[in-house]
Protein backbone atom coordinates (compact mmCIF):
# COMPACT_ATOMS: atom_id res chain seq x y z
CA MET A 1 0.00 0.00 0.00
CA LEU A 2 2.91 2.37 0.74
CA SER A 3 5.72 0.66 -1.14
CA GLY A 4 8.33 3.13 -2.40
CA LYS A 5 7.16 5.88 -0.04
CA VAL A 6 9.21 7.62 2.63
CA ALA A 7 7.47 8.79 5.81
CA LEU A 8 8.68 11.23 8.45
CA VAL A 9 6.95 10.61 11.79
CA THR A 10 7.61 13.09 14.59
CA GLY A 11 7.65 11.91 18.20
CA ALA A 12 8.04 8.34 16.98
CA SER A 13 10.15 6.79 19.73
CA ARG A 14 7.20 5.72 21.90
CA GLY A 15 3.45 5.53 22.27
CA ILE A 16 1.19 6.37 19.34
CA GLY A 17 4.09 7.74 17.26
CA ARG A 18 6.03 4.49 17.60
CA GLN A 19 3.03 2.47 16.46
CA ILE A 20 2.44 4.80 13.51
CA ALA A 21 6.07 4.35 12.40
CA LEU A 22 5.83 0.55 12.67
CA THR A 23 2.46 0.40 10.90
CA LEU A 24 3.61 2.54 7.98
CA ALA A 25 6.71 0.35 7.65
CA GLY A 26 4.47 -2.72 7.73
CA TYR A 27 2.65 -1.34 4.70
CA GLY A 28 5.96 -0.90 2.85
CA ALA A 29 7.18 2.62 3.68
CA ASP A 30 10.70 3.58 4.69
CA VAL A 31 10.47 5.62 7.89
CA ILE A 32 12.34 8.52 9.45
CA VAL A 33 11.91 8.21 13.22
CA ASN A 34 12.05 11.64 14.82
CA TYR A 35 12.58 11.88 18.57
CA ASN A 36 13.48 14.55 21.09
CA GLY A 37 14.45 12.67 24.26
CA SER A 38 15.39 9.00 24.13
CA ARG A 39 17.77 7.98 21.37
CA GLU A 40 17.76 4.42 22.72
CA LYS A 41 14.00 4.04 22.26
CA ALA A 42 14.17 5.61 18.80
CA GLN A 43 16.90 3.18 17.78
CA GLU A 44 14.72 0.29 18.97
CA VAL A 45 12.00 1.46 16.58
CA VAL A 46 14.54 1.75 13.77
CA SER A 47 15.75 -1.79 14.45
CA GLU A 48 12.19 -3.14 14.34
CA ILE A 49 11.57 -1.41 11.01
CA GLU A 50 14.82 -2.71 9.55
CA ARG A 51 13.84 -6.23 10.55
CA MET A 52 10.79 -5.76 8.32
CA GLY A 53 13.17 -5.14 5.42
CA ARG A 54 12.53 -1.40 5.27
CA LYS A 55 14.99 1.50 5.56
CA ALA A 56 14.83 3.65 8.68
CA ALA A 57 16.78 6.37 10.47
CA ALA A 58 16.50 8.01 13.88
CA VAL A 59 16.93 11.78 13.95
CA GLN A 60 16.90 13.98 17.04
CA CYS A 61 15.07 17.28 16.79
CA SER A 62 12.76 19.35 18.96
CA VAL A 63 9.89 20.20 16.62
CA ALA A 64 9.41 23.44 18.56
CA ASP A 65 12.74 24.64 17.09
CA TYR A 66 12.11 26.08 13.61
CA GLU A 67 15.74 26.04 12.47
CA ALA A 68 16.32 22.51 13.81
CA CYS A 69 13.27 21.27 11.87
CA GLY A 70 14.70 22.77 8.71
CA LYS A 71 18.04 21.05 9.24
CA MET A 72 16.36 17.71 9.99
CA ILE A 73 14.29 17.82 6.81
CA GLU A 74 17.24 18.99 4.69
CA ASP A 75 19.40 16.13 5.99
CA MET A 76 16.68 13.50 5.56
CA LEU A 77 15.84 14.63 2.02
CA ALA A 78 19.52 14.22 1.20
CA ALA A 79 19.64 10.79 2.84
CA PHE A 80 16.38 9.34 1.46
CA GLY A 81 15.97 11.34 -1.74
CA HIS A 82 12.36 12.30 -1.05
CA ILE A 83 9.74 12.44 1.70
CA ASP A 84 6.20 11.55 0.69
CA ILE A 85 4.36 11.36 4.01
CA LEU A 86 4.63 13.76 6.97
CA VAL A 87 2.99 12.69 10.23
CA ASN A 88 2.97 15.38 12.91
CA ASN A 89 2.57 13.34 16.07
CA ALA A 90 5.06 14.94 18.50
CA GLY A 91 3.42 16.68 21.41
CA ILE A 92 3.57 17.36 25.13
CA THR A 93 1.17 18.00 28.00
CA ARG A 94 1.52 20.37 30.96
CA ASP A 95 -1.90 19.92 32.54
CA ASN A 96 -3.27 22.20 35.22
CA LEU A 97 -6.34 24.28 35.98
CA LEU A 98 -6.15 27.70 34.35
CA ALA A 99 -5.91 29.44 37.73
CA ARG A 100 -2.68 27.54 38.45
CA MET A 101 -1.23 27.32 34.96
CA SER A 102 2.02 29.19 34.42
CA GLU A 103 2.77 31.20 31.31
CA GLU A 104 5.76 28.91 30.70
CA ASP A 105 3.56 25.79 30.68
CA PHE A 106 1.10 27.41 28.30
CA ASP A 107 3.84 28.56 25.92
CA ALA A 108 5.68 25.21 25.99
CA VAL A 109 2.61 23.24 24.91
CA ILE A 110 1.69 25.70 22.15
CA ALA A 111 5.30 25.68 20.91
CA ALA A 112 5.57 21.90 20.73
CA ASN A 113 2.08 20.94 19.61
CA LEU A 114 0.97 23.79 17.36
CA LYS A 115 4.09 25.63 16.26
CA GLY A 116 5.88 22.29 15.90
CA THR A 117 3.25 21.25 13.36
CA PHE A 118 3.70 24.53 11.51
CA ASN A 119 7.50 24.17 11.56
CA THR A 120 7.65 20.79 9.85
CA ILE A 121 4.96 21.65 7.29
CA ARG A 122 6.66 24.95 6.49
CA HIS A 123 9.95 23.20 5.73
CA MET A 124 8.23 20.45 3.68
CA TYR A 125 6.06 22.93 1.78
CA ARG A 126 8.39 23.46 -1.19
CA PRO A 127 9.53 19.81 -1.50
CA PHE A 128 5.88 18.71 -1.63
CA LEU A 129 5.07 21.42 -4.20
CA LYS A 130 7.97 20.29 -6.40
CA GLN A 131 6.80 16.67 -6.18
CA LYS A 132 3.18 17.67 -6.86
CA ALA A 133 2.28 14.94 -4.40
CA GLY A 134 2.30 14.36 -0.66
CA ARG A 135 0.36 13.36 2.39
CA ILE A 136 0.29 15.37 5.63
CA ILE A 137 -1.44 13.86 8.66
CA ASN A 138 -1.58 15.92 11.85
CA LEU A 139 -2.48 14.48 15.25
CA SER A 140 -5.10 16.56 17.01
CA SER A 141 -7.21 15.31 19.94
CA VAL A 142 -10.74 14.98 21.21
CA SER A 143 -9.68 17.76 23.61
CA GLY A 144 -9.20 20.05 20.63
CA LEU A 145 -12.75 19.37 19.51
CA GLN A 146 -14.65 19.71 22.78
CA GLY A 147 -12.21 21.12 25.35
CA ASN A 148 -11.20 19.56 28.64
CA ALA A 149 -10.95 21.03 32.13
CA GLY A 150 -7.34 21.27 33.23
CA GLN A 151 -6.05 21.25 29.66
CA VAL A 152 -6.60 24.75 28.32
CA ASN A 153 -3.10 24.82 26.82
CA TYR A 154 -3.33 21.34 25.29
CA ALA A 155 -6.90 21.83 24.01
CA ALA A 156 -5.99 25.21 22.51
CA SER A 157 -2.95 23.72 20.76
CA LYS A 158 -4.94 20.81 19.34
CA ALA A 159 -7.81 23.04 18.24
CA GLY A 160 -5.18 25.17 16.52
CA VAL A 161 -3.89 22.10 14.71
CA ILE A 162 -7.38 21.60 13.27
CA GLY A 163 -7.53 25.16 11.94
CA LEU A 164 -4.03 24.83 10.54
CA THR A 165 -4.94 21.52 8.87
CA LYS A 166 -8.02 22.89 7.15
CA SER A 167 -6.20 26.01 5.94
CA VAL A 168 -3.12 24.23 4.58
CA ALA A 169 -5.36 21.65 2.91
CA LYS A 170 -6.93 24.44 0.85
CA GLU A 171 -3.53 25.88 -0.06
CA LEU A 172 -2.06 22.59 -1.25
CA ALA A 173 -5.04 20.82 -2.83
CA ALA A 174 -4.27 22.13 -6.33
CA ARG A 175 -0.98 20.20 -6.27
CA SER A 176 -2.62 16.91 -5.23
CA ILE A 177 -1.27 17.18 -1.69
CA THR A 178 -3.74 16.15 1.00
CA VAL A 179 -3.76 17.43 4.57
CA ASN A 180 -5.89 15.77 7.24
CA ALA A 181 -6.07 15.45 11.02
CA VAL A 182 -6.73 12.50 13.29
CA ALA A 183 -8.29 13.22 16.68
CA PRO A 184 -7.65 10.36 19.13
CA GLY A 185 -9.89 9.87 22.12
CA PHE A 186 -9.03 7.82 25.22
CA ILE A 187 -6.10 5.68 24.05
CA ASP A 188 -4.19 3.04 26.03
CA THR A 189 -0.72 4.60 26.36
CA ASP A 190 1.81 5.25 29.13
CA MET A 191 0.07 8.57 29.76
CA THR A 192 -3.36 7.08 30.39
CA ARG A 193 -1.93 4.14 32.35
CA ALA A 194 -0.56 6.69 34.84
CA MET A 195 -4.11 7.85 35.65
CA SER A 196 -5.81 6.68 38.82
CA ASP A 197 -8.36 3.87 38.50
CA ALA A 198 -11.14 6.28 39.44
CA ALA A 199 -10.11 8.77 36.76
CA ARG A 200 -9.90 6.04 34.12
CA GLU A 201 -13.35 4.70 35.03
CA ALA A 202 -14.84 8.19 34.90
CA VAL A 203 -13.57 8.71 31.34
CA LEU A 204 -14.54 5.21 30.19
CA ALA A 205 -18.09 5.84 31.39
CA GLN A 206 -18.35 8.57 28.74
CA VAL A 207 -17.17 6.32 25.87
CA PRO A 208 -20.10 4.62 24.10
CA LEU A 209 -17.94 1.64 23.06
CA LYS A 210 -16.98 1.21 26.75
CA ARG A 211 -13.30 0.54 26.10
CA MET A 212 -10.10 2.39 25.51
CA GLY A 213 -8.66 2.68 22.03
CA THR A 214 -5.26 1.29 21.08
CA PRO A 215 -2.28 2.92 19.35
CA GLU A 216 -3.01 0.51 16.48
CA ASP A 217 -6.45 2.10 16.03
CA ILE A 218 -4.78 5.47 15.46
CA ALA A 219 -1.96 4.08 13.32
CA GLU A 220 -4.28 2.27 10.94
CA THR A 221 -6.27 5.46 10.39
CA VAL A 222 -3.06 7.37 9.67
CA ALA A 223 -1.92 4.67 7.24
CA PHE A 224 -5.23 4.89 5.37
CA LEU A 225 -4.93 8.67 5.06
CA ALA A 226 -1.33 8.27 3.85
CA SER A 227 -2.35 5.86 1.10
CA ASP A 228 -3.78 6.35 -2.39
CA LYS A 229 -7.07 4.99 -1.05
CA ALA A 230 -7.62 8.38 0.62
CA SER A 231 -6.63 10.50 -2.39
CA TYR A 232 -9.97 12.37 -2.41
CA ILE A 233 -9.99 13.16 1.30
CA THR A 234 -8.47 16.44 2.45
CA GLY A 235 -9.12 19.08 5.09
CA GLN A 236 -10.88 16.57 7.32
CA VAL A 237 -10.70 15.66 10.99
CA ILE A 238 -11.27 11.98 11.70
CA SER A 239 -12.17 11.22 15.30
CA VAL A 240 -10.96 7.84 16.55
CA ASP A 241 -12.60 7.91 19.95
CA GLY A 242 -15.13 5.11 20.39
CA GLY A 243 -17.99 7.54 19.95
CA LEU A 244 -16.83 9.93 22.69
């Protein structure tokens, strides 16, 4: 489905990003594994992809750093020859009620989640235009669609990603480049496993399917949007949230 394609996945050393990288490789793509913190975990993902017979590389870069994003993309274009799929998954949380939220925590989340998405797209803009082809998939969140108490910074950043997605989709559609967003709901990751049992049960009670989603649920949706099967879908937000 993705044979001959090269994908850049940000925040791909763990969690949902890791699964996206592995799923895209499973469908035949070579994968650039971006990470910010743990090189060891990123290299583990690279090794798994290489065992599938695909090419892979780990590259360290904080997506909040505009210049660093440019260097990463320049280096990876030189190494792989082209990038066909950009998945903006990297993100952070700094949860707190608004009354206790610091300016630093607000700015850090906006910088990583929203500006980070802008940074990578901005540096891939011309390469995609020259190719007259490309797939951009941005990770938003159910919080960006309906808000969430204690997450004003995160919800604002993810709502911003939706507006960015819809706007860039209109700019790039004439060159056959699609831009879509995936909005995960309550997904079984390290972050949600750290919640108390009571908090988990309270959220699950709101999910019509009465279960948490898996990273695979998100990754398969991303893979579909990255494929030719989704060539007439752009500017959309697909919620993967069990009906939440």
